[in-house]
C-alpha atoms as a PDB file:
ATOM      1  CA  MET A   1      -0.067   0.270  -0.087  1.00  0.00           C
ATOM      2  CA  ASP A   2       3.156   2.738   0.051  1.00  0.00           C
ATOM      3  CA  PHE A   3       2.052   3.860  -3.565  1.00  0.00           C
ATOM      4  CA  PHE A   4      -1.167   6.125  -2.191  1.00  0.00           C
ATOM      5  CA  ARG A   5       1.528   7.237   0.897  1.00  0.00           C
ATOM      6  CA  ALA A   6       3.959   8.311  -2.777  1.00  0.00           C
ATOM      7  CA  ILE A   7       0.810   9.408  -4.335  1.00  0.00           C
ATOM      8  CA  PHE A   8       0.008  11.828  -1.173  1.00  0.00           C
ATOM      9  CA  LEU A   9       3.911  12.897  -1.620  1.00  0.00           C
ATOM     10  CA  LEU A  10       4.401  13.596  -5.213  1.00  0.00           C
ATOM     11  CA  SER A  11       1.055  15.507  -4.726  1.00  0.00           C
ATOM     12  CA  VAL A  12       2.516  17.750  -2.399  1.00  0.00           C
ATOM     13  CA  PHE A  13       5.238  18.657  -4.063  1.00  0.00           C
ATOM     14  CA  HIS A  14       2.924  19.451  -6.525  1.00  0.00           C
ATOM     15  CA  VAL A  15       0.756  21.913  -4.948  1.00  0.00           C
ATOM     16  CA  ALA A  16       3.421  23.394  -3.579  1.00  0.00           C
ATOM     17  CA  ALA A  17       5.377  24.269  -7.209  1.00  0.00           C
ATOM     18  CA  LEU A  18       2.170  25.555  -7.731  1.00  0.00           C
ATOM     19  CA  ALA A  19       1.833  27.623  -4.775  1.00  0.00           C
ATOM     20  CA  GLU A  20       4.600  29.367  -5.818  1.00  0.00           C
ATOM     21  CA  THR A  21       3.377  30.305  -9.524  1.00  0.00           C
ATOM     22  CA  LEU A  22       0.720  32.229  -7.173  1.00  0.00           C
ATOM     23  CA  ALA A  23       0.400  35.599  -6.117  1.00  0.00           C
ATOM     24  CA  PRO A  24       1.043  36.500  -2.282  1.00  0.00           C
ATOM     25  CA  PRO A  25      -1.992  35.998   0.124  1.00  0.00           C
ATOM     26  CA  GLU A  26      -3.558  38.565   2.189  1.00  0.00           C
ATOM     27  CA  ASP A  27      -2.427  37.819   6.079  1.00  0.00           C
ATOM     28  CA  SER A  28      -6.272  36.482   6.675  1.00  0.00           C
ATOM     29  CA  GLU A  29      -6.163  34.181   3.845  1.00  0.00           C
ATOM     30  CA  VAL A  30      -2.263  32.871   4.997  1.00  0.00           C
ATOM     31  CA  GLU A  31      -3.837  32.490   8.206  1.00  0.00           C
ATOM     32  CA  SER A  32      -7.241  30.802   7.469  1.00  0.00           C
ATOM     33  CA  LEU A  33      -4.882  28.784   4.652  1.00  0.00           C
ATOM     34  CA  SER A  34      -2.381  27.855   7.602  1.00  0.00           C
ATOM     35  CA  THR A  35      -5.171  26.333   9.972  1.00  0.00           C
ATOM     36  CA  LYS A  36      -6.719  24.204   6.883  1.00  0.00           C
ATOM     37  CA  GLU A  37      -2.779  22.918   6.255  1.00  0.00           C
ATOM     38  CA  SER A  38      -2.164  22.083   9.281  1.00  0.00           C
ATOM     39  CA  ALA A  39      -5.657  20.319   9.861  1.00  0.00           C
ATOM     40  CA  LEU A  40      -5.102  18.292   6.869  1.00  0.00           C
ATOM     41  CA  ASP A  41      -1.571  17.580   7.720  1.00  0.00           C
ATOM     42  CA  ARG A  42      -3.033  16.099  11.702  1.00  0.00           C
ATOM     43  CA  LEU A  43      -5.383  14.237   9.353  1.00  0.00           C
ATOM     44  CA  LEU A  44      -3.359  12.439   7.172  1.00  0.00           C
ATOM     45  CA  SER A  45      -0.742  11.968   9.929  1.00  0.00           C
ATOM     46  CA  GLU A  46      -2.806  10.794  12.562  1.00  0.00           C
ATOM     47  CA  ARG A  47      -2.479   6.862  14.044  1.00  0.00           C
ATOM     48  CA  GLU A  48      -2.913   7.216  17.342  1.00  0.00           C
ATOM     49  CA  SER A  49      -5.690   5.234  17.371  1.00  0.00           C
ATOM     50  CA  SER A  50      -9.677   5.353  15.700  1.00  0.00           C
ATOM     51  CA  GLY A  51     -11.072   7.650  18.532  1.00  0.00           C
ATOM     52  CA  ALA A  52      -8.049   9.952  17.746  1.00  0.00           C
ATOM     53  CA  PHE A  53      -8.410   9.922  13.920  1.00  0.00           C
ATOM     54  CA  GLN A  54     -12.164  10.777  14.361  1.00  0.00           C
ATOM     55  CA  ALA A  55     -11.218  14.162  16.415  1.00  0.00           C
ATOM     56  CA  ALA A  56      -9.320  15.088  13.706  1.00  0.00           C
ATOM     57  CA  VAL A  57     -11.951  13.916  11.080  1.00  0.00           C
ATOM     58  CA  GLU A  58     -13.615  16.728  13.242  1.00  0.00           C
ATOM     59  CA  HIS A  59     -11.264  19.453  13.098  1.00  0.00           C
ATOM     60  CA  ALA A  60      -9.965  19.156   9.833  1.00  0.00           C
ATOM     61  CA  LYS A  61     -13.810  19.592   9.288  1.00  0.00           C
ATOM     62  CA  LYS A  62     -14.892  23.023  11.277  1.00  0.00           C
ATOM     63  CA  ALA A  63     -10.878  24.312   9.537  1.00  0.00           C
ATOM     64  CA  GLY A  64     -12.329  24.107   6.390  1.00  0.00           C
ATOM     65  CA  VAL A  65     -10.934  20.538   4.958  1.00  0.00           C
ATOM     66  CA  THR A  66     -13.313  20.091   1.661  1.00  0.00           C
ATOM     67  CA  PRO A  67     -15.225  16.032   2.090  1.00  0.00           C
ATOM     68  CA  GLN A  68     -12.728  14.905  -0.980  1.00  0.00           C
ATOM     69  CA  ALA A  69     -10.068  15.580   0.970  1.00  0.00           C
ATOM     70  CA  ILE A  70     -11.502  14.280   3.820  1.00  0.00           C
ATOM     71  CA  LEU A  71     -12.550  10.973   2.344  1.00  0.00           C
ATOM     72  CA  GLU A  72      -9.468  10.176   0.630  1.00  0.00           C
ATOM     73  CA  ALA A  73      -7.668  10.762   4.526  1.00  0.00           C
ATOM     74  CA  ARG A  74     -10.265   7.875   5.600  1.00  0.00           C
ATOM     75  CA  PHE A  75      -9.208   6.188   2.746  1.00  0.00           C
ATOM     76  CA  LEU A  76      -5.516   5.894   3.318  1.00  0.00           C
ATOM     77  CA  TYR A  77      -6.223   5.737   7.411  1.00  0.00           C
ATOM     78  CA  HIS A  78      -7.622   2.185   6.453  1.00  0.00           C
ATOM     79  CA  VAL A  79      -5.172   1.382   3.842  1.00  0.00           C
ATOM     80  CA  ASP A  80      -2.512   2.247   6.295  1.00  0.00           C
ATOM     81  CA  LEU A  81      -4.030  -0.126   9.100  1.00  0.00           C
ATOM     82  CA  GLN A  82      -4.863  -2.705   6.031  1.00  0.00           C
ATOM     83  CA  GLU A  83      -8.504  -2.919   7.168  1.00  0.00           C
ATOM     84  CA  ASP A  84     -10.226  -4.459   4.064  1.00  0.00           C
ATOM     85  CA  ALA A  85     -13.689  -4.366   5.654  1.00  0.00           C
ATOM     86  CA  ALA A  86     -13.722  -1.017   6.617  1.00  0.00           C
ATOM     87  CA  ILE A  87     -12.340   0.166   3.827  1.00  0.00           C
ATOM     88  CA  ALA A  88     -15.545  -1.338   1.875  1.00  0.00           C
ATOM     89  CA  ALA A  89     -17.413   0.063   3.799  1.00  0.00           C
ATOM     90  CA  LEU A  90     -16.529   3.575   2.382  1.00  0.00           C
ATOM     91  CA  LEU A  91     -17.782   3.029  -0.726  1.00  0.00           C
ATOM     92  CA  PRO A  92     -21.441   4.692  -0.211  1.00  0.00           C
ATOM     93  CA  ASP A  93     -18.788   7.904   0.580  1.00  0.00           C
ATOM     94  CA  PHE A  94     -17.276   7.244  -2.686  1.00  0.00           C
ATOM     95  CA  ILE A  95     -19.599   6.105  -5.122  1.00  0.00           C
ATOM     96  CA  GLN A  96     -21.409  10.188  -4.066  1.00  0.00           C
ATOM     97  CA  GLN A  97     -18.088  11.594  -4.344  1.00  0.00           C
ATOM     98  CA  ARG A  98     -17.340  10.051  -7.255  1.00  0.00           C
ATOM     99  CA  GLU A  99     -18.617  12.847  -9.902  1.00  0.00           C
ATOM    100  CA  LEU A 100     -18.262  15.945  -7.599  1.00  0.00           C
ATOM    101  CA  PHE A 101     -14.891  15.427  -7.326  1.00  0.00           C
ATOM    102  CA  LYS A 102     -11.968  18.246  -7.869  1.00  0.00           C
ATOM    103  CA  ILE A 103      -8.791  18.171  -8.623  1.00  0.00           C
ATOM    104  CA  GLU A 104      -8.162  20.956  -6.565  1.00  0.00           C
ATOM    105  CA  ASP A 105      -9.927  20.055  -3.213  1.00  0.00           C
ATOM    106  CA  SER A 106      -8.305  16.301  -3.578  1.00  0.00           C
ATOM    107  CA  ALA A 107      -5.079  15.720  -0.524  1.00  0.00           C
ATOM    108  CA  ILE A 108      -3.674  12.807  -2.662  1.00  0.00           C
ATOM    109  CA  PHE A 109      -4.133  12.818  -6.149  1.00  0.00           C
ATOM    110  CA  SER A 110      -2.901  14.923  -8.546  1.00  0.00           C
ATOM    111  CA  VAL A 111      -5.104  14.014 -11.716  1.00  0.00           C
ATOM    112  CA  LYS A 112      -8.683  12.409 -11.611  1.00  0.00           C
ATOM    113  CA  GLU A 113      -7.292   8.936 -13.187  1.00  0.00           C
ATOM    114  CA  ASP A 114      -5.772   7.772 -10.007  1.00  0.00           C
ATOM    115  CA  TRP A 115      -8.932   8.783  -7.809  1.00  0.00           C
ATOM    116  CA  LEU A 116     -10.932   7.377 -10.065  1.00  0.00           C
ATOM    117  CA  ALA A 117      -8.711   4.501 -10.141  1.00  0.00           C
ATOM    118  CA  VAL A 118      -9.302   4.560  -6.330  1.00  0.00           C
ATOM    119  CA  ASN A 119     -12.828   4.111  -6.480  1.00  0.00           C
ATOM    120  CA  GLU A 120     -12.585   1.394  -9.011  1.00  0.00           C
ATOM    121  CA  TYR A 121     -10.245  -0.065  -5.912  1.00  0.00           C
ATOM    122  CA  VAL A 122     -13.213   0.745  -3.014  1.00  0.00           C
ATOM    123  CA  GLN A 123     -15.515  -1.414  -5.511  1.00  0.00           C
ATOM    124  CA  ALA A 124     -13.144  -3.778  -6.042  1.00  0.00           C
ATOM    125  CA  ILE A 125     -12.397  -4.525  -2.202  1.00  0.00           C
ATOM    126  CA  ALA A 126     -16.195  -4.237  -1.439  1.00  0.00           C
ATOM    127  CA  ALA A 127     -16.926  -6.998  -3.682  1.00  0.00           C
ATOM    128  CA  LEU A 128     -14.566  -9.456  -2.531  1.00  0.00           C
ATOM    129  CA  LYS A 129     -15.531  -9.137   1.049  1.00  0.00           C
ATOM    130  CA  GLY A 130     -19.152 -10.087   0.035  1.00  0.00           C
ATOM    131  CA  GLY A 131     -18.377 -13.090  -2.346  1.00  0.00           C
ATOM    132  CA  ASP A 132     -18.794 -11.614  -5.702  1.00  0.00           C
ATOM    133  CA  LYS A 133     -15.104 -12.845  -7.568  1.00  0.00           C
ATOM    134  CA  ASN A 134     -17.162 -11.934 -10.915  1.00  0.00           C
ATOM    135  CA  SER A 135     -17.508  -7.932  -9.880  1.00  0.00           C
ATOM    136  CA  PHE A 136     -13.925  -8.284  -7.814  1.00  0.00           C
ATOM    137  CA  LYS A 137     -12.400  -8.805 -11.135  1.00  0.00           C
ATOM    138  CA  THR A 138     -14.140  -6.304 -13.258  1.00  0.00           C
ATOM    139  CA  HIS A 139     -13.822  -3.374 -10.620  1.00  0.00           C
ATOM    140  CA  ILE A 140      -9.631  -4.278 -10.289  1.00  0.00           C
ATOM    141  CA  THR A 141      -9.483  -4.353 -13.850  1.00  0.00           C
ATOM    142  CA  GLU A 142     -10.538  -1.231 -14.797  1.00  0.00           C
ATOM    143  CA  ALA A 143      -8.915  -0.102 -11.666  1.00  0.00           C
ATOM    144  CA  PHE A 144      -5.759  -1.445 -13.209  1.00  0.00           C
ATOM    145  CA  TRP A 145      -6.618   0.435 -16.555  1.00  0.00           C
ATOM    146  CA  LEU A 146      -7.548   3.621 -14.994  1.00  0.00           C
ATOM    147  CA  SER A 147      -3.844   4.021 -13.153  1.00  0.00           C
ATOM    148  CA  PRO A 148      -1.342   1.148 -13.325  1.00  0.00           C
ATOM    149  CA  LYS A 149       1.788   2.589 -11.472  1.00  0.00           C
ATOM    150  CA  GLN A 150      -0.886   1.955  -8.626  1.00  0.00           C
ATOM    151  CA  ALA A 151      -0.821  -1.849  -9.458  1.00  0.00           C
ATOM    152  CA  SER A 152       1.944  -3.130  -6.410  1.00  0.00           C
ATOM    153  CA  ALA A 153      -1.402  -2.149  -4.017  1.00  0.00           C
ATOM    154  CA  PHE A 154      -3.318  -4.175  -5.992  1.00  0.00           C
ATOM    155  CA  ALA A 155      -1.959  -6.869  -6.855  1.00  0.00           C
ATOM    156  CA  PRO A 156      -2.036  -8.356  -2.949  1.00  0.00           C
ATOM    157  CA  HIS A 157      -5.663  -9.215  -3.468  1.00  0.00           C
ATOM    158  CA  ILE A 158      -5.270 -10.724  -6.339  1.00  0.00           C
ATOM    159  CA  ASP A 159      -3.362 -13.162  -4.748  1.00  0.00           C
ATOM    160  CA  ARG A 160      -5.157 -13.348  -2.011  1.00  0.00           C
ATOM    161  CA  MET A 161      -8.504 -14.428  -4.505  1.00  0.00           C
ATOM    162  CA  ARG A 162      -6.656 -16.601  -6.454  1.00  0.00           C
ATOM    163  CA  LEU A 163      -4.938 -18.693  -2.951  1.00  0.00           C
ATOM    164  CA  GLU A 164      -8.142 -18.860  -1.672  1.00  0.00           C
ATOM    165  CA  ASP A 165      -9.952 -20.524  -4.973  1.00  0.00           C
ATOM    166  CA  ALA A 166      -6.752 -22.429  -4.771  1.00  0.00           C
ATOM    167  CA  MET A 167      -6.906 -23.778  -0.936  1.00  0.00           C
ATOM    168  CA  SER A 168     -10.833 -24.799  -1.314  1.00  0.00           C
ATOM    169  CA  SER A 169     -10.008 -27.882  -3.515  1.00  0.00           C
ATOM    170  CA  VAL A 170      -7.280 -28.574  -1.192  1.00  0.00           C
ATOM    171  CA  LYS A 171      -8.063 -31.479   1.487  1.00  0.00           C
ATOM    172  CA  VAL A 172      -5.544 -32.684   3.418  1.00  0.00           C
ATOM    173  CA  ASP A 173      -4.033 -36.184   4.145  1.00  0.00           C
ATOM    174  CA  PHE A 174      -4.475 -37.387   7.790  1.00  0.00           C
ATOM    175  CA  GLU A 175      -2.394 -40.475   6.936  1.00  0.00           C
ATOM    176  CA  MET A 176       0.261 -39.502   5.682  1.00  0.00           C
ATOM    177  CA  LYS A 177       3.589 -39.775   7.418  1.00  0.00           C
ATOM    178  CA  LEU A 178       6.020 -37.233   8.046  1.00  0.00           C
ATOM    179  CA  LEU A 179       9.688 -37.445   9.820  1.00  0.00           C
ATOM    180  CA  THR A 180      10.613 -35.754  13.021  1.00  0.00           C
ATOM    181  CA  VAL A 181      13.533 -33.290  12.440  1.00  0.00           C
ATOM    182  CA  SER A 182      15.310 -33.917  16.722  1.00  0.00           C
ATOM    183  CA  ARG A 183      15.317 -37.633  15.782  1.00  0.00           C
ATOM    184  CA  GLY A 184      14.045 -38.696  12.313  1.00  0.00           C
ATOM    185  CA  ASP A 185      11.234 -41.479  13.168  1.00  0.00           C
ATOM    186  CA  ALA A 186       7.601 -41.325  11.393  1.00  0.00           C
ATOM    187  CA  VAL A 187       4.724 -40.023  12.799  1.00  0.00           C
ATOM    188  CA  THR A 188       1.953 -39.883  11.523  1.00  0.00           C
ATOM    189  CA  LEU A 189      -0.683 -36.405  11.084  1.00  0.00           C
ATOM    190  CA  ARG A 190      -3.566 -38.560  12.336  1.00  0.00           C
ATOM    191  CA  THR A 191      -2.051 -39.421  15.936  1.00  0.00           C
ATOM    192  CA  LEU A 192      -1.525 -35.290  16.022  1.00  0.00           C
ATOM    193  CA  MET A 193      -5.336 -34.854  15.760  1.00  0.00           C
ATOM    194  CA  THR A 194      -5.998 -36.886  19.006  1.00  0.00           C
ATOM    195  CA  ASP A 195      -8.245 -34.548  21.698  1.00  0.00           C
ATOM    196  CA  LYS A 196      -7.567 -31.681  18.918  1.00  0.00           C
ATOM    197  CA  LYS A 197      -9.733 -29.646  17.026  1.00  0.00           C
ATOM    198  CA  ALA A 198      -7.938 -28.038  14.083  1.00  0.00           C
ATOM    199  CA  MET A 199      -4.453 -28.560  13.101  1.00  0.00           C
ATOM    200  CA  LEU A 200      -2.876 -25.230  12.836  1.00  0.00           C
ATOM    201  CA  PHE A 201       0.729 -25.615  10.149  1.00  0.00           C
ATOM    202  CA  HIS A 202       3.613 -23.654  10.829  1.00  0.00           C
ATOM    203  CA  PHE A 203       6.079 -23.357   7.785  1.00  0.00           C
ATOM    204  CA  TRP A 204       9.349 -22.330   8.807  1.00  0.00           C
ATOM    205  CA  SER A 205      13.150 -22.317   8.323  1.00  0.00           C
ATOM    206  CA  PRO A 206      16.527 -20.883   9.897  1.00  0.00           C
ATOM    207  CA  ALA A 207      17.466 -19.140   6.948  1.00  0.00           C
ATOM    208  CA  SER A 208      14.918 -17.151   7.209  1.00  0.00           C
ATOM    209  CA  ARG A 209      15.507 -14.226   9.610  1.00  0.00           C
ATOM    210  CA  GLU A 210      12.207 -13.144   9.692  1.00  0.00           C
ATOM    211  CA  CYS A 211      11.641 -17.015  11.462  1.00  0.00           C
ATOM    212  CA  VAL A 212      14.491 -16.728  13.274  1.00  0.00           C
ATOM    213  CA  ALA A 213      13.593 -13.219  15.047  1.00  0.00           C
ATOM    214  CA  SER A 214      10.098 -13.715  15.451  1.00  0.00           C
ATOM    215  CA  PHE A 215      10.679 -17.645  16.688  1.00  0.00           C
ATOM    216  CA  PRO A 216      10.139 -16.693  20.291  1.00  0.00           C
ATOM    217  CA  ASP A 217       6.554 -15.282  19.516  1.00  0.00           C
ATOM    218  CA  TYR A 218       5.677 -18.587  17.270  1.00  0.00           C
ATOM    219  CA  VAL A 219       7.160 -20.593  20.680  1.00  0.00           C
ATOM    220  CA  MET A 220       4.971 -18.700  22.846  1.00  0.00           C
ATOM    221  CA  THR A 221       1.743 -18.332  20.263  1.00  0.00           C
ATOM    222  CA  ALA A 222       1.573 -22.571  19.958  1.00  0.00           C
ATOM    223  CA  LYS A 223       1.761 -22.954  23.516  1.00  0.00           C
ATOM    224  CA  ALA A 224      -1.148 -20.912  24.312  1.00  0.00           C
ATOM    225  CA  LEU A 225      -2.871 -22.378  20.831  1.00  0.00           C
ATOM    226  CA  SER A 226      -2.037 -26.114  22.370  1.00  0.00           C
ATOM    227  CA  ALA A 227      -3.547 -25.328  24.999  1.00  0.00           C
ATOM    228  CA  LYS A 228      -7.185 -24.016  23.499  1.00  0.00           C
ATOM    229  CA  GLY A 229      -6.991 -27.741  21.489  1.00  0.00           C
ATOM    230  CA  ILE A 230      -5.389 -26.620  18.250  1.00  0.00           C
ATOM    231  CA  SER A 231      -3.026 -29.382  17.272  1.00  0.00           C
ATOM    232  CA  MET A 232       0.503 -27.290  16.122  1.00  0.00           C
ATOM    233  CA  VAL A 233       3.090 -28.791  13.586  1.00  0.00           C
ATOM    234  CA  SER A 234       6.029 -26.415  12.868  1.00  0.00           C
ATOM    235  CA  ILE A 235       6.951 -27.893   8.972  1.00  0.00           C
ATOM    236  CA  LEU A 236      10.447 -27.966   7.781  1.00  0.00           C
ATOM    237  CA  PRO A 237       9.854 -27.368   3.670  1.00  0.00           C
ATOM    238  CA  GLU A 238      13.638 -28.250   3.281  1.00  0.00           C
ATOM    239  CA  GLN A 239      15.484 -31.376   3.956  1.00  0.00           C
ATOM    240  CA  SER A 240      19.609 -30.754   2.804  1.00  0.00           C
ATOM    241  CA  PRO A 241      21.542 -31.781   5.902  1.00  0.00           C
ATOM    242  CA  LYS A 242      22.634 -27.832   6.717  1.00  0.00           C
ATOM    243  CA  ILE A 243      19.013 -26.858   7.117  1.00  0.00           C
ATOM    244  CA  LEU A 244      18.716 -30.222   9.209  1.00  0.00           C
ATOM    245  CA  THR A 245      21.465 -29.052  11.633  1.00  0.00           C
ATOM    246  CA  GLU A 246      20.831 -24.978  11.780  1.00  0.00           C
ATOM    247  CA  ALA A 247      17.174 -26.295  12.891  1.00  0.00           C
ATOM    248  CA  ARG A 248      17.991 -28.886  15.586  1.00  0.00           C
ATOM    249  CA  ALA A 249      20.312 -26.150  16.724  1.00  0.00           C
ATOM    250  CA  LEU A 250      18.332 -23.738  17.131  1.00  0.00           C
ATOM    251  CA  LEU A 251      15.214 -26.444  18.712  1.00  0.00           C
ATOM    252  CA  ALA A 252      17.634 -27.193  21.400  1.00  0.00           C
ATOM    253  CA  PRO A 253      17.619 -24.910  23.937  1.00  0.00           C
ATOM    254  CA  LEU A 254      13.893 -25.703  23.893  1.00  0.00           C
ATOM    255  CA  GLY A 255      14.510 -29.219  24.942  1.00  0.00           C
ATOM    256  CA  PRO A 256      11.492 -30.927  26.234  1.00  0.00           C
ATOM    257  CA  GLU A 257       9.095 -27.770  26.500  1.00  0.00           C
ATOM    258  CA  ALA A 258       9.364 -26.924  22.468  1.00  0.00           C
ATOM    259  CA  PRO A 259       5.757 -26.589  21.952  1.00  0.00           C
ATOM    260  CA  GLY A 260       3.611 -28.950  19.107  1.00  0.00           C
ATOM    261  CA  SER A 261       5.538 -31.166  16.826  1.00  0.00           C
ATOM    262  CA  TRP A 262       8.438 -29.920  14.141  1.00  0.00           C
ATOM    263  CA  LEU A 263       8.552 -32.210  11.538  1.00  0.00           C
ATOM    264  CA  ILE A 264      10.433 -32.183   7.480  1.00  0.00           C
ATOM    265  CA  ASP A 265       8.112 -31.966   4.659  1.00  0.00           C
ATOM    266  CA  HIS A 266       7.717 -35.027   2.609  1.00  0.00           C
ATOM    267  CA  PRO A 267      10.290 -34.613  -1.245  1.00  0.00           C
ATOM    268  CA  GLU A 268       7.799 -36.163  -2.665  1.00  0.00           C
ATOM    269  CA  ASN A 269       4.106 -35.157  -1.474  1.00  0.00           C
ATOM    270  CA  SER A 270       5.079 -31.677  -0.074  1.00  0.00           C
ATOM    271  CA  ILE A 271       2.351 -29.992   2.111  1.00  0.00           C
ATOM    272  CA  ALA A 272       4.130 -27.150   1.446  1.00  0.00           C
ATOM    273  CA  ARG A 273       3.657 -27.415  -2.639  1.00  0.00           C
ATOM    274  CA  ASP A 274       0.069 -28.492  -2.093  1.00  0.00           C
ATOM    275  CA  PHE A 275      -0.438 -24.857   0.042  1.00  0.00           C
ATOM    276  CA  ARG A 276       1.679 -23.310  -2.492  1.00  0.00           C
ATOM    277  CA  VAL A 277       3.905 -22.320   0.633  1.00  0.00           C
ATOM    278  CA  GLN A 278       5.996 -18.637  -1.034  1.00  0.00           C
ATOM    279  CA  THR A 279       7.551 -16.797   1.941  1.00  0.00           C
ATOM    280  CA  MET A 280       8.329 -17.715   5.769  1.00  0.00           C
ATOM    281  CA  PRO A 281       7.197 -18.082   8.231  1.00  0.00           C
ATOM    282  CA  LEU A 282       3.491 -19.104   7.002  1.00  0.00           C
ATOM    283  CA  PHE A 283       0.457 -20.361   8.702  1.00  0.00           C
ATOM    284  CA  VAL A 284      -2.311 -22.450   7.180  1.00  0.00           C
ATOM    285  CA  LEU A 285      -5.203 -23.526   9.098  1.00  0.00           C
ATOM    286  CA  VAL A 286      -6.759 -26.718   8.537  1.00  0.00           C
ATOM    287  CA  SER A 287     -10.221 -28.175  10.470  1.00  0.00           C
ATOM    288  CA  SER A 288     -11.139 -31.793  11.465  1.00  0.00           C
ATOM    289  CA  GLU A 289     -11.696 -33.014   8.431  1.00  0.00           C
ATOM    290  CA  GLY A 290      -8.471 -31.883   6.864  1.00  0.00           C
ATOM    291  CA  HIS A 291     -10.211 -28.649   5.033  1.00  0.00           C
ATOM    292  CA  ILE A 292      -8.318 -25.022   4.744  1.00  0.00           C
ATOM    293  CA  LEU A 293      -9.775 -22.324   7.009  1.00  0.00           C
ATOM    294  CA  PHE A 294      -6.502 -20.188   6.594  1.00  0.00           C
ATOM    295  CA  ASN A 295      -3.501 -19.623   4.777  1.00  0.00           C
ATOM    296  CA  GLY A 296      -1.394 -16.113   5.025  1.00  0.00           C
ATOM    297  CA  ASP A 297       0.989 -14.529   6.908  1.00  0.00           C
ATOM    298  CA  PRO A 298       0.967 -15.505  11.019  1.00  0.00           C
ATOM    299  CA  THR A 299      -0.294 -11.630  11.596  1.00  0.00           C
ATOM    300  CA  GLU A 300      -3.393 -11.779   9.674  1.00  0.00           C
ATOM    301  CA  ASP A 301      -6.307 -10.618  11.668  1.00  0.00           C
ATOM    302  CA  SER A 302      -8.342 -13.743   9.698  1.00  0.00           C
ATOM    303  CA  LEU A 303      -6.653 -16.106  11.487  1.00  0.00           C
ATOM    304  CA  TRP A 304      -7.528 -15.140  14.482  1.00  0.00           C
ATOM    305  CA  ASP A 305     -11.362 -14.797  13.307  1.00  0.00           C
ATOM    306  CA  ALA A 306     -10.585 -18.698  11.916  1.00  0.00           C
ATOM    307  CA  LEU A 307      -9.132 -19.595  15.051  1.00  0.00           C
ATOM    308  CA  LYS A 308     -11.967 -18.073  17.260  1.00  0.00           C
ATOM    309  CA  LYS A 309     -14.189 -19.901  15.267  1.00  0.00           C
ATOM    310  CA  ILE A 310     -12.959 -23.224  16.009  1.00  0.00           C
ATOM    311  CA  ASN A 311     -12.908 -22.182  20.079  1.00  0.00           C
ATOM    312  CA  PRO A 312     -14.285 -18.831  21.510  1.00  0.00           C
ATOM    313  CA  GLU A 313     -12.030 -18.915  24.199  1.00  0.00           C
ATOM    314  CA  ILE A 314      -8.527 -18.543  22.087  1.00  0.00           C
ATOM    315  CA  ARG A 315      -6.955 -15.340  22.188  1.00  0.00           C
ATOM    316  CA  ARG A 316      -4.694 -13.592  20.534  1.00  0.00           C
ATOM    317  CA  PRO A 317      -1.575 -13.887  22.829  1.00  0.00           C
ATOM    318  CA  GLU A 318       0.676 -10.487  23.226  1.00  0.00           C
ATOM    319  CA  MET A 319       4.080 -10.718  21.634  1.00  0.00           C
ATOM    320  CA  SER A 320       7.495 -10.058  22.665  1.00  0.00           C
ATOM    321  CA  GLY A 321       8.680  -7.781  19.343  1.00  0.00           C
ATOM    322  CA  ALA A 322      11.148 -10.647  18.634  1.00  0.00           C
ATOM    323  CA  GLY A 323      10.322 -10.225  15.680  1.00  0.00           C
ATOM    324  CA  GLU A 324       9.752  -6.792  14.770  1.00  0.00           C
END
């Protein structure tokens, strides 16, 4: 989503350059303009809390910031927090403002096509949240057409839709046997599901800095979820001697306290391949029937939404910050 911020910075430069060519305003106009700009700056930068942002919105209204600029700021706020549901909820406001757009009232856009592309983007997100994939494709394609430079923001949602489509046809075979990282003995996934409500796969590698940095947080999370009926299974996709040695060294300090099971992916019937693992760490939540309930980054809110549906008592633990 960084491109939205980049567009904003370019627009600020554009406005500043334009201002240099205009005649100097009167003192009263300078004061009014300064107040409005200050309110807009606060609105675009406020991220402390939703309450603080709403206060910034009210302040901006009183300072004379245009509805167009306020709507754009609200959009940026939810983009920065990766709140797709909130972005989708802005759709009625975007539709209402669509034909009222004035380039001089915009806070972040310098051309109308970029504004129209964001309109299409918001409609695409709303369609995706509503499960209307055909409408999503229509709007996201139009967004690409209107503003190709914004592709980096549109692409993740397309990837997510394709991944969900692919996962809908995947079913885990719990009779599969995998070798343990520590001793190399075979374990059947079925035995790890005894008295458990679901299985959460954790794909990791000691060669990944992010995996190593987030290791303490994973251990804490695994312990908490294991106590709530979730079978925790860490999968090492690579089987090279070097990787195995590094993995064992990383696990050694945990000893018998290592939560869950630590297994090596099958070289032929690869689970990582079935789950389309491309980055790590990655979590895949699987129901007791073998169906995929979540596939994505461990930090995503939708993971915890899916877990709470399995067990309402599950709470997201506070992270240590080691992975930051």
